[in-house]
Amino acid sequence: FLKTLSFKLNTHTIHFFYNEHTNDFPLYNEAIKFFKHSESMVRIAVRTLTLNVFKVDDKAMLKFIRDKTAAP
């Protein structure tokens, strides 16, 4: 379901999924929890969602991802 939602992401719809004021991105946060899942199809869905997120050109959202999920 999360992967399907990620296909709807673009510069016009990102604001339904990422809240710049509260700096919260539940769609992405919940998906990455399954990054190391035992089932390969789940991991593939997480990768697909991640790629769909990265293709959206929204500077605040991309900064959130870099700040919250990048290795130190």
PDB file of N, CA and C in Angstrom:
ATOM      1  N   PHE A   1       0.818  -1.203   0.000  1.00  0.00           N
ATOM      2  CA  PHE A   1       0.000   0.000   0.000  1.00  0.00           C
ATOM      3  C   PHE A   1       0.860   1.263   0.000  1.00  0.00           C
ATOM      4  N   LEU A   2       1.919   1.273   0.819  1.00  0.00           N
ATOM      5  CA  LEU A   2       2.788   2.451   0.873  1.00  0.00           C
ATOM      6  C   LEU A   2       3.465   2.687  -0.465  1.00  0.00           C
ATOM      7  N   LYS A   3       3.890   1.600  -1.116  1.00  0.00           N
ATOM      8  CA  LYS A   3       4.529   1.734  -2.424  1.00  0.00           C
ATOM      9  C   LYS A   3       3.566   2.357  -3.422  1.00  0.00           C
ATOM     10  N   THR A   4       2.312   1.927  -3.404  1.00  0.00           N
ATOM     11  CA  THR A   4       1.304   2.465  -4.319  1.00  0.00           C
ATOM     12  C   THR A   4       1.116   3.961  -4.092  1.00  0.00           C
ATOM     13  N   LEU A   5       1.086   4.372  -2.842  1.00  0.00           N
ATOM     14  CA  LEU A   5       0.982   5.807  -2.543  1.00  0.00           C
ATOM     15  C   LEU A   5       2.184   6.578  -3.087  1.00  0.00           C
ATOM     16  N   SER A   6       3.341   5.965  -3.027  1.00  0.00           N
ATOM     17  CA  SER A   6       4.549   6.670  -3.472  1.00  0.00           C
ATOM     18  C   SER A   6       4.522   6.972  -4.967  1.00  0.00           C
ATOM     19  N   PHE A   7       3.780   6.193  -5.740  1.00  0.00           N
ATOM     20  CA  PHE A   7       3.670   6.470  -7.173  1.00  0.00           C
ATOM     21  C   PHE A   7       2.893   7.759  -7.439  1.00  0.00           C
ATOM     22  N   LYS A   8       2.149   8.230  -6.458  1.00  0.00           N
ATOM     23  CA  LYS A   8       1.378   9.470  -6.597  1.00  0.00           C
ATOM     24  C   LYS A   8       2.193  10.709  -6.239  1.00  0.00           C
ATOM     25  N   LEU A   9       3.417  10.521  -5.777  1.00  0.00           N
ATOM     26  CA  LEU A   9       4.236  11.651  -5.350  1.00  0.00           C
ATOM     27  C   LEU A   9       4.729  12.468  -6.533  1.00  0.00           C
ATOM     28  N   ASN A  10       4.559  13.764  -6.422  1.00  0.00           N
ATOM     29  CA  ASN A  10       5.147  14.725  -7.354  1.00  0.00           C
ATOM     30  C   ASN A  10       5.216  16.064  -6.624  1.00  0.00           C
ATOM     31  N   THR A  11       5.648  17.091  -7.302  1.00  0.00           N
ATOM     32  CA  THR A  11       5.804  18.389  -6.637  1.00  0.00           C
ATOM     33  C   THR A  11       4.475  18.970  -6.164  1.00  0.00           C
ATOM     34  N   HIS A  12       3.381  18.538  -6.753  1.00  0.00           N
ATOM     35  CA  HIS A  12       2.062  19.041  -6.358  1.00  0.00           C
ATOM     36  C   HIS A  12       1.444  18.235  -5.213  1.00  0.00           C
ATOM     37  N   THR A  13       1.796  16.957  -5.084  1.00  0.00           N
ATOM     38  CA  THR A  13       1.173  16.103  -4.066  1.00  0.00           C
ATOM     39  C   THR A  13       2.058  15.848  -2.853  1.00  0.00           C
ATOM     40  N   ILE A  14       3.324  16.214  -2.914  1.00  0.00           N
ATOM     41  CA  ILE A  14       4.234  15.917  -1.809  1.00  0.00           C
ATOM     42  C   ILE A  14       3.748  16.522  -0.496  1.00  0.00           C
ATOM     43  N   HIS A  15       3.044  17.627  -0.556  1.00  0.00           N
ATOM     44  CA  HIS A  15       2.591  18.302   0.662  1.00  0.00           C
ATOM     45  C   HIS A  15       1.483  17.539   1.387  1.00  0.00           C
ATOM     46  N   PHE A  16       0.893  16.555   0.734  1.00  0.00           N
ATOM     47  CA  PHE A  16      -0.066  15.687   1.414  1.00  0.00           C
ATOM     48  C   PHE A  16       0.656  14.641   2.263  1.00  0.00           C
ATOM     49  N   PHE A  17       1.920  14.393   1.958  1.00  0.00           N
ATOM     50  CA  PHE A  17       2.674  13.334   2.626  1.00  0.00           C
ATOM     51  C   PHE A  17       3.783  13.865   3.524  1.00  0.00           C
ATOM     52  N   TYR A  18       4.333  15.012   3.185  1.00  0.00           N
ATOM     53  CA  TYR A  18       5.403  15.614   3.977  1.00  0.00           C
ATOM     54  C   TYR A  18       4.927  16.954   4.518  1.00  0.00           C
ATOM     55  N   ASN A  19       5.007  17.108   5.847  1.00  0.00           N
ATOM     56  CA  ASN A  19       4.597  18.349   6.493  1.00  0.00           C
ATOM     57  C   ASN A  19       5.852  19.144   6.840  1.00  0.00           C
ATOM     58  N   GLU A  20       6.090  20.190   6.097  1.00  0.00           N
ATOM     59  CA  GLU A  20       7.294  20.997   6.287  1.00  0.00           C
ATOM     60  C   GLU A  20       7.295  21.720   7.631  1.00  0.00           C
ATOM     61  N   HIS A  21       6.133  22.115   8.124  1.00  0.00           N
ATOM     62  CA  HIS A  21       6.047  22.875   9.376  1.00  0.00           C
ATOM     63  C   HIS A  21       6.390  22.018  10.583  1.00  0.00           C
ATOM     64  N   THR A  22       5.934  20.773  10.595  1.00  0.00           N
ATOM     65  CA  THR A  22       6.246  19.877  11.711  1.00  0.00           C
ATOM     66  C   THR A  22       7.450  19.004  11.411  1.00  0.00           C
ATOM     67  N   ASN A  23       7.985  19.129  10.199  1.00  0.00           N
ATOM     68  CA  ASN A  23       9.137  18.340   9.766  1.00  0.00           C
ATOM     69  C   ASN A  23       8.865  16.847   9.951  1.00  0.00           C
ATOM     70  N   ASP A  24       7.764  16.396   9.371  1.00  0.00           N
ATOM     71  CA  ASP A  24       7.327  15.015   9.531  1.00  0.00           C
ATOM     72  C   ASP A  24       6.975  14.426   8.163  1.00  0.00           C
ATOM     73  N   PHE A  25       7.396  13.198   7.935  1.00  0.00           N
ATOM     74  CA  PHE A  25       7.161  12.518   6.665  1.00  0.00           C
ATOM     75  C   PHE A  25       6.789  11.061   6.965  1.00  0.00           C
ATOM     76  N   PRO A  26       5.565  10.831   7.464  1.00  0.00           N
ATOM     77  CA  PRO A  26       5.159   9.493   7.896  1.00  0.00           C
ATOM     78  C   PRO A  26       5.272   8.422   6.814  1.00  0.00           C
ATOM     79  N   LEU A  27       4.963   8.760   5.580  1.00  0.00           N
ATOM     80  CA  LEU A  27       5.042   7.775   4.501  1.00  0.00           C
ATOM     81  C   LEU A  27       6.455   7.203   4.409  1.00  0.00           C
ATOM     82  N   TYR A  28       7.436   8.061   4.407  1.00  0.00           N
ATOM     83  CA  TYR A  28       8.830   7.628   4.299  1.00  0.00           C
ATOM     84  C   TYR A  28       9.309   6.974   5.598  1.00  0.00           C
ATOM     85  N   ASN A  29       8.976   7.577   6.729  1.00  0.00           N
ATOM     86  CA  ASN A  29       9.419   7.044   8.022  1.00  0.00           C
ATOM     87  C   ASN A  29       8.921   5.624   8.256  1.00  0.00           C
ATOM     88  N   GLU A  30       7.675   5.370   7.923  1.00  0.00           N
ATOM     89  CA  GLU A  30       7.119   4.028   8.127  1.00  0.00           C
ATOM     90  C   GLU A  30       7.710   3.026   7.140  1.00  0.00           C
ATOM     91  N   ALA A  31       7.959   3.459   5.937  1.00  0.00           N
ATOM     92  CA  ALA A  31       8.497   2.546   4.921  1.00  0.00           C
ATOM     93  C   ALA A  31       9.906   2.079   5.269  1.00  0.00           C
ATOM     94  N   ILE A  32      10.761   2.988   5.717  1.00  0.00           N
ATOM     95  CA  ILE A  32      12.145   2.589   5.963  1.00  0.00           C
ATOM     96  C   ILE A  32      12.284   1.652   7.165  1.00  0.00           C
ATOM     97  N   LYS A  33      11.259   1.536   7.963  1.00  0.00           N
ATOM     98  CA  LYS A  33      11.287   0.564   9.063  1.00  0.00           C
ATOM     99  C   LYS A  33      11.360  -0.866   8.531  1.00  0.00           C
ATOM    100  N   PHE A  34      10.940  -1.061   7.292  1.00  0.00           N
ATOM    101  CA  PHE A  34      10.919  -2.393   6.691  1.00  0.00           C
ATOM    102  C   PHE A  34      12.121  -2.641   5.783  1.00  0.00           C
ATOM    103  N   PHE A  35      13.138  -1.795   5.858  1.00  0.00           N
ATOM    104  CA  PHE A  35      14.300  -1.897   4.981  1.00  0.00           C
ATOM    105  C   PHE A  35      15.020  -3.241   5.113  1.00  0.00           C
ATOM    106  N   LYS A  36      15.070  -3.787   6.312  1.00  0.00           N
ATOM    107  CA  LYS A  36      15.769  -5.060   6.545  1.00  0.00           C
ATOM    108  C   LYS A  36      14.790  -6.207   6.789  1.00  0.00           C
ATOM    109  N   HIS A  37      13.627  -6.139   6.203  1.00  0.00           N
ATOM    110  CA  HIS A  37      12.611  -7.183   6.360  1.00  0.00           C
ATOM    111  C   HIS A  37      13.111  -8.494   5.768  1.00  0.00           C
ATOM    112  N   SER A  38      12.641  -9.597   6.313  1.00  0.00           N
ATOM    113  CA  SER A  38      13.096 -10.909   5.843  1.00  0.00           C
ATOM    114  C   SER A  38      12.586 -11.255   4.443  1.00  0.00           C
ATOM    115  N   GLU A  39      11.460 -10.695   4.041  1.00  0.00           N
ATOM    116  CA  GLU A  39      10.909 -10.994   2.714  1.00  0.00           C
ATOM    117  C   GLU A  39      11.458 -10.021   1.672  1.00  0.00           C
ATOM    118  N   SER A  40      11.943 -10.580   0.583  1.00  0.00           N
ATOM    119  CA  SER A  40      12.557  -9.745  -0.453  1.00  0.00           C
ATOM    120  C   SER A  40      11.553  -8.807  -1.119  1.00  0.00           C
ATOM    121  N   MET A  41      10.306  -9.225  -1.267  1.00  0.00           N
ATOM    122  CA  MET A  41       9.302  -8.357  -1.901  1.00  0.00           C
ATOM    123  C   MET A  41       9.044  -7.104  -1.070  1.00  0.00           C
ATOM    124  N   VAL A  42       9.117  -7.240   0.230  1.00  0.00           N
ATOM    125  CA  VAL A  42       8.939  -6.079   1.113  1.00  0.00           C
ATOM    126  C   VAL A  42      10.119  -5.132   0.942  1.00  0.00           C
ATOM    127  N   ARG A  43      11.327  -5.672   0.899  1.00  0.00           N
ATOM    128  CA  ARG A  43      12.518  -4.831   0.700  1.00  0.00           C
ATOM    129  C   ARG A  43      12.477  -4.129  -0.653  1.00  0.00           C
ATOM    130  N   ILE A  44      12.012  -4.824  -1.677  1.00  0.00           N
ATOM    131  CA  ILE A  44      11.891  -4.223  -3.007  1.00  0.00           C
ATOM    132  C   ILE A  44      10.889  -3.071  -2.983  1.00  0.00           C
ATOM    133  N   ALA A  45       9.781  -3.253  -2.276  1.00  0.00           N
ATOM    134  CA  ALA A  45       8.774  -2.189  -2.168  1.00  0.00           C
ATOM    135  C   ALA A  45       9.355  -0.963  -1.472  1.00  0.00           C
ATOM    136  N   VAL A  46      10.160  -1.187  -0.447  1.00  0.00           N
ATOM    137  CA  VAL A  46      10.795  -0.067   0.265  1.00  0.00           C
ATOM    138  C   VAL A  46      11.754   0.668  -0.663  1.00  0.00           C
ATOM    139  N   ARG A  47      12.519  -0.064  -1.442  1.00  0.00           N
ATOM    140  CA  ARG A  47      13.442   0.576  -2.386  1.00  0.00           C
ATOM    141  C   ARG A  47      12.689   1.370  -3.445  1.00  0.00           C
ATOM    142  N   THR A  48      11.600   0.811  -3.935  1.00  0.00           N
ATOM    143  CA  THR A  48      10.790   1.511  -4.937  1.00  0.00           C
ATOM    144  C   THR A  48      10.233   2.802  -4.360  1.00  0.00           C
ATOM    145  N   LEU A  49       9.692   2.718  -3.150  1.00  0.00           N
ATOM    146  CA  LEU A  49       9.157   3.910  -2.490  1.00  0.00           C
ATOM    147  C   LEU A  49      10.256   4.958  -2.317  1.00  0.00           C
ATOM    148  N   THR A  50      11.426   4.519  -1.887  1.00  0.00           N
ATOM    149  CA  THR A  50      12.538   5.442  -1.678  1.00  0.00           C
ATOM    150  C   THR A  50      12.922   6.144  -2.976  1.00  0.00           C
ATOM    151  N   LEU A  51      12.995   5.401  -4.062  1.00  0.00           N
ATOM    152  CA  LEU A  51      13.326   6.009  -5.352  1.00  0.00           C
ATOM    153  C   LEU A  51      12.243   6.986  -5.800  1.00  0.00           C
ATOM    154  N   ASN A  52      10.985   6.647  -5.544  1.00  0.00           N
ATOM    155  CA  ASN A  52       9.891   7.556  -5.900  1.00  0.00           C
ATOM    156  C   ASN A  52       9.955   8.844  -5.085  1.00  0.00           C
ATOM    157  N   VAL A  53      10.380   8.736  -3.842  1.00  0.00           N
ATOM    158  CA  VAL A  53      10.531   9.923  -2.994  1.00  0.00           C
ATOM    159  C   VAL A  53      11.670  10.798  -3.515  1.00  0.00           C
ATOM    160  N   PHE A  54      12.797  10.180  -3.852  1.00  0.00           N
ATOM    161  CA  PHE A  54      13.961  10.951  -4.299  1.00  0.00           C
ATOM    162  C   PHE A  54      13.752  11.639  -5.636  1.00  0.00           C
ATOM    163  N   LYS A  55      12.831  11.168  -6.439  1.00  0.00           N
ATOM    164  CA  LYS A  55      12.632  11.816  -7.740  1.00  0.00           C
ATOM    165  C   LYS A  55      11.803  13.101  -7.642  1.00  0.00           C
ATOM    166  N   VAL A  56      11.193  13.354  -6.486  1.00  0.00           N
ATOM    167  CA  VAL A  56      10.406  14.577  -6.290  1.00  0.00           C
ATOM    168  C   VAL A  56      11.352  15.727  -5.969  1.00  0.00           C
ATOM    169  N   ASP A  57      11.239  16.795  -6.712  1.00  0.00           N
ATOM    170  CA  ASP A  57      12.114  17.953  -6.530  1.00  0.00           C
ATOM    171  C   ASP A  57      11.502  18.925  -5.522  1.00  0.00           C
ATOM    172  N   ASP A  58      11.654  18.581  -4.242  1.00  0.00           N
ATOM    173  CA  ASP A  58      11.181  19.444  -3.160  1.00  0.00           C
ATOM    174  C   ASP A  58      12.337  19.598  -2.175  1.00  0.00           C
ATOM    175  N   LYS A  59      12.928  20.767  -2.128  1.00  0.00           N
ATOM    176  CA  LYS A  59      14.144  20.980  -1.346  1.00  0.00           C
ATOM    177  C   LYS A  59      13.961  20.702   0.147  1.00  0.00           C
ATOM    178  N   ALA A  60      12.857  21.121   0.727  1.00  0.00           N
ATOM    179  CA  ALA A  60      12.629  20.908   2.158  1.00  0.00           C
ATOM    180  C   ALA A  60      12.506  19.422   2.475  1.00  0.00           C
ATOM    181  N   MET A  61      11.794  18.693   1.642  1.00  0.00           N
ATOM    182  CA  MET A  61      11.621  17.258   1.857  1.00  0.00           C
ATOM    183  C   MET A  61      12.946  16.522   1.703  1.00  0.00           C
ATOM    184  N   LEU A  62      13.723  16.869   0.690  1.00  0.00           N
ATOM    185  CA  LEU A  62      15.018  16.221   0.490  1.00  0.00           C
ATOM    186  C   LEU A  62      15.983  16.550   1.630  1.00  0.00           C
ATOM    187  N   LYS A  63      15.905  17.769   2.154  1.00  0.00           N
ATOM    188  CA  LYS A  63      16.732  18.136   3.308  1.00  0.00           C
ATOM    189  C   LYS A  63      16.330  17.304   4.520  1.00  0.00           C
ATOM    190  N   PHE A  64      15.027  17.104   4.718  1.00  0.00           N
ATOM    191  CA  PHE A  64      14.546  16.262   5.813  1.00  0.00           C
ATOM    192  C   PHE A  64      15.149  14.864   5.702  1.00  0.00           C
ATOM    193  N   ILE A  65      15.107  14.289   4.515  1.00  0.00           N
ATOM    194  CA  ILE A  65      15.626  12.935   4.326  1.00  0.00           C
ATOM    195  C   ILE A  65      17.125  12.890   4.604  1.00  0.00           C
ATOM    196  N   ARG A  66      17.866  13.855   4.109  1.00  0.00           N
ATOM    197  CA  ARG A  66      19.313  13.888   4.366  1.00  0.00           C
ATOM    198  C   ARG A  66      19.606  14.048   5.853  1.00  0.00           C
ATOM    199  N   ASP A  67      18.889  14.943   6.517  1.00  0.00           N
ATOM    200  CA  ASP A  67      19.148  15.214   7.934  1.00  0.00           C
ATOM    201  C   ASP A  67      18.733  14.064   8.840  1.00  0.00           C
ATOM    202  N   LYS A  68      17.630  13.409   8.528  1.00  0.00           N
ATOM    203  CA  LYS A  68      17.076  12.390   9.422  1.00  0.00           C
ATOM    204  C   LYS A  68      17.571  10.980   9.146  1.00  0.00           C
ATOM    205  N   THR A  69      17.988  10.699   7.921  1.00  0.00           N
ATOM    206  CA  THR A  69      18.311   9.309   7.606  1.00  0.00           C
ATOM    207  C   THR A  69      19.740   9.086   7.145  1.00  0.00           C
ATOM    208  N   ALA A  70      20.505  10.124   6.915  1.00  0.00           N
ATOM    209  CA  ALA A  70      21.884   9.948   6.455  1.00  0.00           C
ATOM    210  C   ALA A  70      22.770   9.476   7.599  1.00  0.00           C
ATOM    211  N   ALA A  71      23.738   8.660   7.249  1.00  0.00           N
ATOM    212  CA  ALA A  71      24.702   8.209   8.252  1.00  0.00           C
ATOM    213  C   ALA A  71      25.592   9.388   8.641  1.00  0.00           C
ATOM    214  N   PRO A  72      25.960   9.472   9.916  1.00  0.00           N
ATOM    215  CA  PRO A  72      26.787  10.604  10.365  1.00  0.00           C
ATOM    216  C   PRO A  72      28.177  10.598   9.772  1.00  0.00           C
TER     217      PRO A  72
END
